[in-house]
Amino acid sequence: MNIETSVRERYSQGALETQAALCCPINYDNSLLDLLPDEIIEKDYGCGDPSRYVREGDVVLDLGSGGGKICYMAAQLVGDRGQVIGIDINDDMLALARKYQTEMAGRLGGDRVRFLKGYIQDLALDLDALESWLQKNPVRSQHDYAALRAWENRQRRNQAMVPDESVDLVISNCVLNLVPDHEKQHLVDEIFRVLKPGGRIAISDIVSDRPVPAAMKQDAELWSGCLSGAFQEAEFLQSFAAGGFRAVCYDKWESAPWRVIDDIKFRSVTLTALKAPAGENGQQHHALIYAGPFAQVMDETGRSYPRGERIQVSAAEHAGLTSAAYRGAFIDPDSYSGMTSSSTACCSSPSDAGNSGNNNGCCG
C-alpha cells in the first residue's frame, strides 16, 4: 500500500465533494465561522478544535491545513499583530484554501494568512520551490538526482520553509495519524524545531486504546480515514515527551469512541505541550513549591517535586513551571498571590476554565 497516494486521493475527493466519513462531530465557535465561506466549512475534516488555544499576537502554524478552515478561524484570534501559516501536501485542498485568500483578507482587515505546500514531517522543504526547480532541472540521470538531493539539503539549511524557532503555537486537526509510522517521531522533532522557546502545541487527533495490528495498517481506506495510522494512547504522549516537550497533557478526551473496529476503540483527543522557555539552566536561583494534590510529581527530565517542599530551579525551569501550561500546579512562594479555582484545572485551555464536558485535566 502506498500511504501517500491513498491519502492524497481521499482528500482530493474531499476537496471536490463533502466526505462525511472523514470527520467527527465537533462544536466550533459559531462567531468565528460566520466570516468563512460555506464551501470551506462544508469541506473541512477534523476531530477537534485547536483554534481555541490561539492567543492574540501569535504566529500560528497549522499542520495539514486542508481547505483553511482552522487557519481562517485562528486569523480572527491572532489579530493584526499575528499571522497564520497553513501547511498541506494536497493540491486540491490548497487550491480551495487559496481560492478565498483575497476575499478573506478583506473580511479580516489584513492579509495575515498564507498557505504553503509541504510535508508536515519535513517543514524545512518548500514543495512549491521544489517544483519550480524541477521544471528547470529535470531529473534524467543519477547525476541529476544527486544534484536534486544537494539542492534540497541547501534549501533546508539556508531557506527553510518554516525557520527554526519562528512559531508561537503549532496546531493540527486530525492529520498526524496520516503520516507513515516510521516518520512520526521525525514529525514531532520538526514541530519542536520550529517552535520558539516557550512555544506551545495543541494537537487534535485520533488515538487507539490498543496498538493497531499490521493487517489493519495495510487497509488504505482505514489509513486515509484517520484510523490505521492512529497513535496508541500512551504512545502519543510518550512521543512528544521523547521529543523534548514539557507539560505533555491530554487536555481533551472524548469518552465515547468515534469508531470501534475489531474491539479497538478509536477516539478523539487534544494533546497540549510546551517547549521549555529560554534561560539559564545551570544556576538554581528560584524557589518553587509543588502545590498538590499528589504527594509527589516527576517532570519529563526525571526530577521529582514533593508536595509542599521548596525546590530550587533555574530561571528557564521557573518560567516553564509557572506558565499557563501547568495551570497553577507550581507556585512561587515569594510572589504567590492566591490560587483561583480556574488555575487548578491542569492543562485546560484558559478559555475553557470552568467548563464541563470532556476535559479530564489529565497530564502526561
Protein backbone atom coordinates (compact mmCIF):
# COMPACT_ATOMS: atom_id res chain seq x y z
CA MET A 1 0.00 0.00 0.00
CA ASN A 2 1.25 3.49 -0.86
CA ILE A 3 0.13 5.59 2.11
CA GLU A 4 0.80 8.95 0.47
CA THR A 5 -1.16 8.08 -2.67
CA SER A 6 -4.18 6.78 -0.76
CA VAL A 7 -4.27 9.85 1.48
CA ARG A 8 -3.90 12.29 -1.43
CA GLU A 9 -6.67 10.62 -3.42
CA ARG A 10 -9.06 10.53 -0.46
CA TYR A 11 -8.56 14.19 0.43
CA SER A 12 -8.64 15.33 -3.19
CA GLN A 13 -12.11 13.78 -3.32
CA GLY A 14 -12.90 15.61 -0.09
CA ALA A 15 -11.92 18.92 -1.68
CA LEU A 16 -14.34 18.31 -4.56
CA GLU A 17 -17.30 16.99 -2.59
CA THR A 18 -18.06 16.58 1.11
CA GLN A 19 -16.88 13.29 2.66
CA ALA A 20 -18.89 12.78 5.86
CA ALA A 21 -16.87 9.74 6.96
CA LEU A 22 -13.70 11.81 7.29
CA CYS A 23 -14.71 13.86 10.33
CA CYS A 24 -16.06 13.62 13.86
CA PRO A 25 -18.94 15.83 15.07
CA ILE A 26 -17.38 18.99 16.57
CA ASN A 27 -18.87 22.13 18.05
CA TYR A 28 -16.92 25.12 16.78
CA ASP A 29 -17.30 28.73 17.84
CA ASN A 30 -20.05 29.96 15.52
CA SER A 31 -18.86 33.55 15.85
CA LEU A 32 -15.61 32.50 14.14
CA LEU A 33 -17.43 30.53 11.44
CA ASP A 34 -19.68 33.44 10.42
CA LEU A 35 -16.84 35.05 8.47
CA LEU A 36 -15.97 31.90 6.50
CA PRO A 37 -17.28 30.87 3.06
CA ASP A 38 -19.72 27.94 3.18
CA GLU A 39 -17.55 25.83 0.87
CA ILE A 40 -14.64 25.87 3.31
CA ILE A 41 -16.90 24.93 6.23
CA GLU A 42 -18.57 22.10 4.30
CA LYS A 43 -15.27 20.59 3.10
CA ASP A 44 -13.41 20.63 6.39
CA TYR A 45 -12.39 17.36 8.08
CA GLY A 46 -11.24 17.14 11.67
CA CYS A 47 -11.78 15.70 15.13
CA GLY A 48 -11.26 18.69 17.43
CA ASP A 49 -10.97 22.46 17.67
CA PRO A 50 -7.35 23.56 18.20
CA SER A 51 -8.32 27.16 17.36
CA ARG A 52 -9.41 27.70 20.97
CA TYR A 53 -5.74 27.66 22.06
CA VAL A 54 -4.81 30.64 19.87
CA ARG A 55 -3.79 33.89 21.58
CA GLU A 56 -3.65 37.44 20.26
CA GLY A 57 -0.34 38.18 18.55
CA ASP A 58 0.56 34.52 17.99
CA VAL A 59 2.39 33.22 14.95
CA VAL A 60 0.35 30.05 14.37
CA LEU A 61 1.36 27.06 12.25
CA ASP A 62 -1.46 24.72 11.20
CA LEU A 63 -0.21 21.28 10.12
CA GLY A 64 -2.41 19.72 7.44
CA SER A 65 -4.44 22.88 6.99
CA GLY A 66 -6.70 21.42 4.28
CA GLY A 67 -9.26 23.90 3.00
CA GLY A 68 -8.13 26.53 5.50
CA LYS A 69 -10.99 26.49 8.00
CA ILE A 70 -8.92 26.45 11.19
CA CYS A 71 -6.43 28.91 9.68
CA TYR A 72 -9.15 31.45 8.93
CA MET A 73 -10.63 30.94 12.39
CA ALA A 74 -7.22 31.42 14.00
CA ALA A 75 -6.62 34.56 11.92
CA GLN A 76 -9.53 36.23 13.69
CA LEU A 77 -7.97 35.45 17.06
CA VAL A 78 -4.34 36.45 16.43
CA GLY A 79 -5.37 39.99 15.47
CA ASP A 80 -3.38 42.35 13.28
CA ARG A 81 -0.14 41.63 15.19
CA GLY A 82 -0.27 37.89 14.50
CA GLN A 83 -0.06 35.65 11.47
CA VAL A 84 -1.19 32.18 10.46
CA ILE A 85 0.65 29.68 8.25
CA GLY A 86 -1.10 26.64 6.81
CA ILE A 87 0.92 23.65 5.55
CA ASP A 88 -0.60 20.96 3.35
CA ILE A 89 0.55 18.47 0.72
CA ASN A 90 -2.70 18.16 -1.22
CA ASP A 91 -3.01 20.42 -4.28
CA ASP A 92 -6.80 20.34 -4.32
CA MET A 93 -7.07 21.30 -0.66
CA LEU A 94 -4.50 24.08 -1.11
CA ALA A 95 -6.45 25.35 -4.12
CA LEU A 96 -9.61 25.51 -2.00
CA ALA A 97 -7.86 27.41 0.80
CA ARG A 98 -6.13 29.84 -1.59
CA LYS A 99 -9.30 30.39 -3.60
CA TYR A 100 -10.70 32.58 -0.83
CA GLN A 101 -7.45 34.14 0.37
CA THR A 102 -8.04 37.61 -1.11
CA GLU A 103 -11.68 37.64 -0.05
CA MET A 104 -10.78 36.59 3.49
CA ALA A 105 -8.03 39.22 3.73
CA GLY A 106 -10.69 41.84 3.08
CA ARG A 107 -13.02 40.37 5.69
CA LEU A 108 -10.21 40.09 8.24
CA GLY A 109 -8.95 43.60 7.61
CA GLY A 110 -5.50 42.38 6.64
CA ASP A 111 -3.62 39.64 4.79
CA ARG A 112 -2.35 37.60 7.73
CA VAL A 113 -2.83 34.04 6.36
CA ARG A 114 -0.63 32.17 3.92
CA PHE A 115 -0.68 28.59 2.67
CA LEU A 116 2.46 26.62 1.83
CA LYS A 117 2.91 23.27 0.15
CA GLY A 118 4.97 20.80 2.11
CA TYR A 119 5.13 17.63 4.16
CA ILE A 120 4.26 18.21 7.81
CA GLN A 121 7.10 15.82 8.72
CA ASP A 122 9.57 17.95 6.71
CA LEU A 123 8.74 21.58 7.48
CA ALA A 124 12.02 22.84 6.02
CA LEU A 125 11.36 21.89 2.38
CA ASP A 126 9.01 24.12 0.36
CA LEU A 127 7.50 21.87 -2.33
CA ASP A 128 6.35 24.79 -4.48
CA ALA A 129 10.01 25.87 -4.67
CA LEU A 130 10.99 22.26 -5.39
CA GLU A 131 8.55 22.01 -8.29
CA SER A 132 9.85 25.28 -9.76
CA TRP A 133 13.42 23.98 -9.54
CA LEU A 134 12.47 20.68 -11.19
CA GLN A 135 10.90 22.48 -14.14
CA LYS A 136 14.29 24.00 -14.88
CA ASN A 137 16.34 21.00 -13.77
CA PRO A 138 14.54 17.75 -14.71
CA VAL A 139 15.95 14.56 -13.21
CA ARG A 140 17.08 12.20 -16.00
CA SER A 141 20.18 10.61 -14.53
CA GLN A 142 21.90 9.61 -11.33
CA HIS A 143 23.90 12.83 -11.56
CA ASP A 144 20.68 14.84 -11.82
CA TYR A 145 19.28 13.03 -8.80
CA ALA A 146 22.40 13.85 -6.77
CA ALA A 147 22.02 17.50 -7.77
CA LEU A 148 18.39 17.42 -6.62
CA ARG A 149 19.33 16.00 -3.22
CA ALA A 150 22.07 18.60 -2.82
CA TRP A 151 19.59 21.38 -3.70
CA GLU A 152 17.06 20.04 -1.17
CA ASN A 153 19.70 19.99 1.57
CA ARG A 154 20.73 23.58 0.78
CA GLN A 155 17.09 24.67 0.87
CA ARG A 156 16.50 23.04 4.23
CA ARG A 157 19.67 24.56 5.64
CA ASN A 158 19.57 28.07 4.14
CA GLN A 159 15.96 28.75 3.13
CA ALA A 160 13.80 26.60 5.36
CA MET A 161 10.08 26.83 4.56
CA VAL A 162 9.43 27.21 8.31
CA PRO A 163 12.59 28.53 10.02
CA ASP A 164 13.90 27.40 13.39
CA GLU A 165 12.17 28.89 16.44
CA SER A 166 9.77 31.04 14.42
CA VAL A 167 6.34 29.88 15.66
CA ASP A 168 4.42 30.54 18.90
CA LEU A 169 1.77 27.84 18.51
CA VAL A 170 1.60 24.68 16.39
CA ILE A 171 -1.88 23.29 15.88
CA SER A 172 -3.27 20.37 13.89
CA ASN A 173 -6.67 18.80 13.41
CA CYS A 174 -6.70 15.05 12.75
CA VAL A 175 -3.66 14.92 10.46
CA LEU A 176 -0.69 13.45 12.35
CA ASN A 177 -2.25 9.98 12.01
CA LEU A 178 -1.87 10.25 8.23
CA VAL A 179 1.94 10.32 8.45
CA PRO A 180 3.71 6.95 7.97
CA ASP A 181 4.68 5.34 11.28
CA HIS A 182 8.42 5.43 10.59
CA GLU A 183 8.26 9.22 10.10
CA LYS A 184 6.13 10.12 13.12
CA GLN A 185 8.98 10.80 15.55
CA HIS A 186 10.72 12.97 12.94
CA LEU A 187 7.43 14.86 12.64
CA VAL A 188 7.50 15.52 16.40
CA ASP A 189 11.13 16.67 16.11
CA GLU A 190 10.20 19.08 13.32
CA ILE A 191 7.41 20.58 15.43
CA PHE A 192 9.92 21.10 18.23
CA ARG A 193 12.42 22.70 15.83
CA VAL A 194 10.09 25.41 14.52
CA LEU A 195 8.68 26.41 17.92
CA LYS A 196 10.10 29.39 19.77
CA PRO A 197 11.31 28.74 23.33
CA GLY A 198 8.15 28.83 25.43
CA GLY A 199 6.07 27.92 22.38
CA ARG A 200 3.01 25.69 22.66
CA ILE A 201 1.26 22.93 20.76
CA ALA A 202 -2.39 21.91 20.57
CA ILE A 203 -2.84 18.74 18.52
CA SER A 204 -6.31 17.27 17.98
CA ASP A 205 -6.11 13.73 16.66
CA ILE A 206 -7.41 10.17 16.87
CA VAL A 207 -5.82 7.66 19.25
CA SER A 208 -6.43 3.96 19.78
CA ASP A 209 -6.73 2.14 23.10
CA ARG A 210 -4.59 -0.74 21.76
CA PRO A 211 -1.86 -0.94 19.11
CA VAL A 212 -3.28 -1.21 15.59
CA PRO A 213 -2.38 -4.62 14.08
CA ALA A 214 -0.28 -4.87 10.93
CA ALA A 215 -3.14 -6.18 8.79
CA MET A 216 -5.26 -3.13 9.58
CA LYS A 217 -2.34 -0.84 8.72
CA GLN A 218 -2.40 -2.25 5.18
CA ASP A 219 -6.00 -1.12 4.65
CA ALA A 220 -5.84 2.05 2.52
CA GLU A 221 -9.42 3.04 3.35
CA LEU A 222 -8.81 2.83 7.09
CA TRP A 223 -5.48 4.66 6.84
CA SER A 224 -6.82 7.58 4.81
CA GLY A 225 -9.82 7.59 7.15
CA CYS A 226 -7.53 8.53 10.09
CA LEU A 227 -7.72 5.12 11.79
CA SER A 228 -4.93 2.71 10.81
CA GLY A 229 -2.22 5.31 11.45
CA ALA A 230 -3.55 6.41 14.84
CA PHE A 231 -1.14 6.72 17.75
CA GLN A 232 -1.82 4.40 20.67
CA GLU A 233 -2.97 6.41 23.72
CA ALA A 234 0.25 6.20 25.75
CA GLU A 235 2.45 6.37 22.64
CA PHE A 236 1.02 9.76 21.67
CA LEU A 237 2.10 11.32 24.97
CA GLN A 238 5.43 9.49 25.03
CA SER A 239 6.36 10.62 21.51
CA PHE A 240 6.13 14.29 22.47
CA ALA A 241 7.89 13.78 25.80
CA ALA A 242 10.68 11.97 23.93
CA GLY A 243 10.84 14.93 21.53
CA GLY A 244 11.78 17.29 24.35
CA PHE A 245 8.36 18.75 25.17
CA ARG A 246 7.25 19.63 28.70
CA ALA A 247 3.80 19.65 30.32
CA VAL A 248 2.57 16.99 27.89
CA CYS A 249 -1.15 16.61 28.59
CA TYR A 250 -4.38 15.17 27.28
CA ASP A 251 -6.44 18.32 27.57
CA LYS A 252 -9.48 16.92 25.78
CA TRP A 253 -10.61 13.31 25.81
CA GLU A 254 -13.82 12.10 24.19
CA SER A 255 -15.29 9.43 26.45
CA ALA A 256 -17.32 7.89 23.61
CA PRO A 257 -15.20 6.28 20.86
CA TRP A 258 -15.58 7.65 17.35
CA ARG A 259 -15.19 4.17 15.85
CA VAL A 260 -14.71 0.63 17.19
CA ILE A 261 -13.05 -1.83 14.82
CA ASP A 262 -12.10 -5.37 15.88
CA ASP A 263 -12.63 -4.30 19.51
CA ILE A 264 -10.11 -1.47 19.15
CA LYS A 265 -11.56 1.85 20.30
CA PHE A 266 -10.61 4.95 18.33
CA ARG A 267 -11.39 8.29 19.96
CA SER A 268 -10.72 11.98 19.55
CA VAL A 269 -8.28 13.71 21.90
CA THR A 270 -6.41 17.00 22.08
CA LEU A 271 -2.81 16.95 23.28
CA THR A 272 -1.13 20.09 24.60
CA ALA A 273 2.52 20.64 25.48
CA LEU A 274 5.18 23.31 25.92
CA LYS A 275 8.71 23.88 24.62
CA ALA A 276 10.83 24.94 27.58
CA PRO A 277 11.42 28.71 27.73
CA ALA A 278 14.93 30.01 27.10
CA GLY A 279 17.02 30.85 30.14
CA GLU A 280 19.98 29.99 32.31
CA ASN A 281 19.57 26.27 33.00
CA GLY A 282 22.67 25.75 35.11
CA GLN A 283 22.10 28.18 38.00
CA GLN A 284 19.38 27.37 40.54
CA HIS A 285 18.28 30.77 41.80
CA HIS A 286 14.50 30.42 42.06
CA ALA A 287 12.35 28.55 44.56
CA LEU A 288 9.15 26.76 43.58
CA ILE A 289 6.65 24.64 45.50
CA TYR A 290 4.50 21.90 44.01
CA ALA A 291 1.05 22.71 45.40
CA GLY A 292 -0.55 19.24 45.20
CA PRO A 293 -2.87 17.33 45.19
CA PHE A 294 -0.47 14.39 44.67
CA ALA A 295 2.20 13.52 47.20
CA GLN A 296 4.88 13.93 44.54
CA VAL A 297 5.20 14.52 40.79
CA MET A 298 8.03 13.99 38.32
CA ASP A 299 8.77 16.10 35.23
CA GLU A 300 9.98 14.87 31.83
CA THR A 301 13.63 15.22 32.90
CA GLY A 302 13.11 12.79 35.80
CA ARG A 303 13.23 15.45 38.51
CA SER A 304 10.81 14.93 41.41
CA TYR A 305 8.82 17.60 43.22
CA PRO A 306 7.45 16.51 46.63
CA ARG A 307 4.29 18.34 47.61
CA GLY A 308 4.87 21.45 49.72
CA GLU A 309 8.68 21.42 49.58
CA ARG A 310 10.73 24.34 48.30
CA ILE A 311 12.75 23.23 45.27
CA GLN A 312 15.48 25.39 43.74
CA VAL A 313 15.14 25.72 39.96
CA SER A 314 16.76 27.68 37.14
CA ALA A 315 15.22 30.74 35.51
CA ALA A 316 14.13 28.67 32.50
CA GLU A 317 12.56 25.98 34.69
CA HIS A 318 10.82 28.64 36.76
CA ALA A 319 9.38 30.28 33.64
CA GLY A 320 8.08 26.97 32.34
CA LEU A 321 6.65 25.55 35.55
CA THR A 322 4.81 28.78 36.41
CA SER A 323 3.41 29.19 32.88
CA ALA A 324 -0.19 28.58 31.88
CA ALA A 325 0.78 25.11 30.64
CA TYR A 326 0.99 23.86 34.24
CA ARG A 327 -2.21 25.61 35.33
CA GLY A 328 -1.14 26.60 38.82
CA ALA A 329 0.40 23.27 39.86
CA PHE A 330 3.59 25.12 40.92
CA ILE A 331 3.74 28.31 42.94
CA ASP A 332 6.49 30.81 43.63
CA PRO A 333 6.42 31.26 47.41
CA ASP A 334 7.94 34.73 47.11
CA SER A 335 5.31 36.09 44.73
CA TYR A 336 2.27 33.91 45.43
CA SER A 337 -0.98 35.89 45.48
CA GLY A 338 -3.56 33.15 45.91
CA MET A 339 -4.97 30.43 43.70
CA THR A 340 -8.30 30.61 41.90
CA SER A 341 -10.45 27.63 41.07
CA SER A 342 -9.73 28.02 37.36
CA SER A 343 -5.96 27.89 37.87
CA THR A 344 -6.10 24.37 39.28
CA ALA A 345 -7.58 22.73 36.19
CA CYS A 346 -4.45 21.00 34.97
CA CYS A 347 -3.76 21.52 31.28
CA SER A 348 -7.13 23.02 30.38
CA SER A 349 -7.29 25.89 27.94
CA PRO A 350 -7.55 29.33 29.55
CA SER A 351 -10.73 29.93 27.58
CA ASP A 352 -12.15 26.65 28.87
CA ALA A 353 -11.57 27.18 32.60
CA GLY A 354 -14.67 26.21 34.47
CA ASN A 355 -16.28 24.43 31.52
CA SER A 356 -17.63 20.92 31.94
CA GLY A 357 -17.60 18.21 29.32
CA ASN A 358 -14.69 16.06 28.21
CA ASN A 359 -11.81 17.96 29.82
CA ASN A 360 -10.40 15.43 32.25
CA GLY A 361 -7.41 17.57 33.18
CA CYS A 362 -5.11 14.54 32.82
CA CYS A 363 -1.41 15.21 32.42
CA GLY A 364 1.31 13.04 30.99
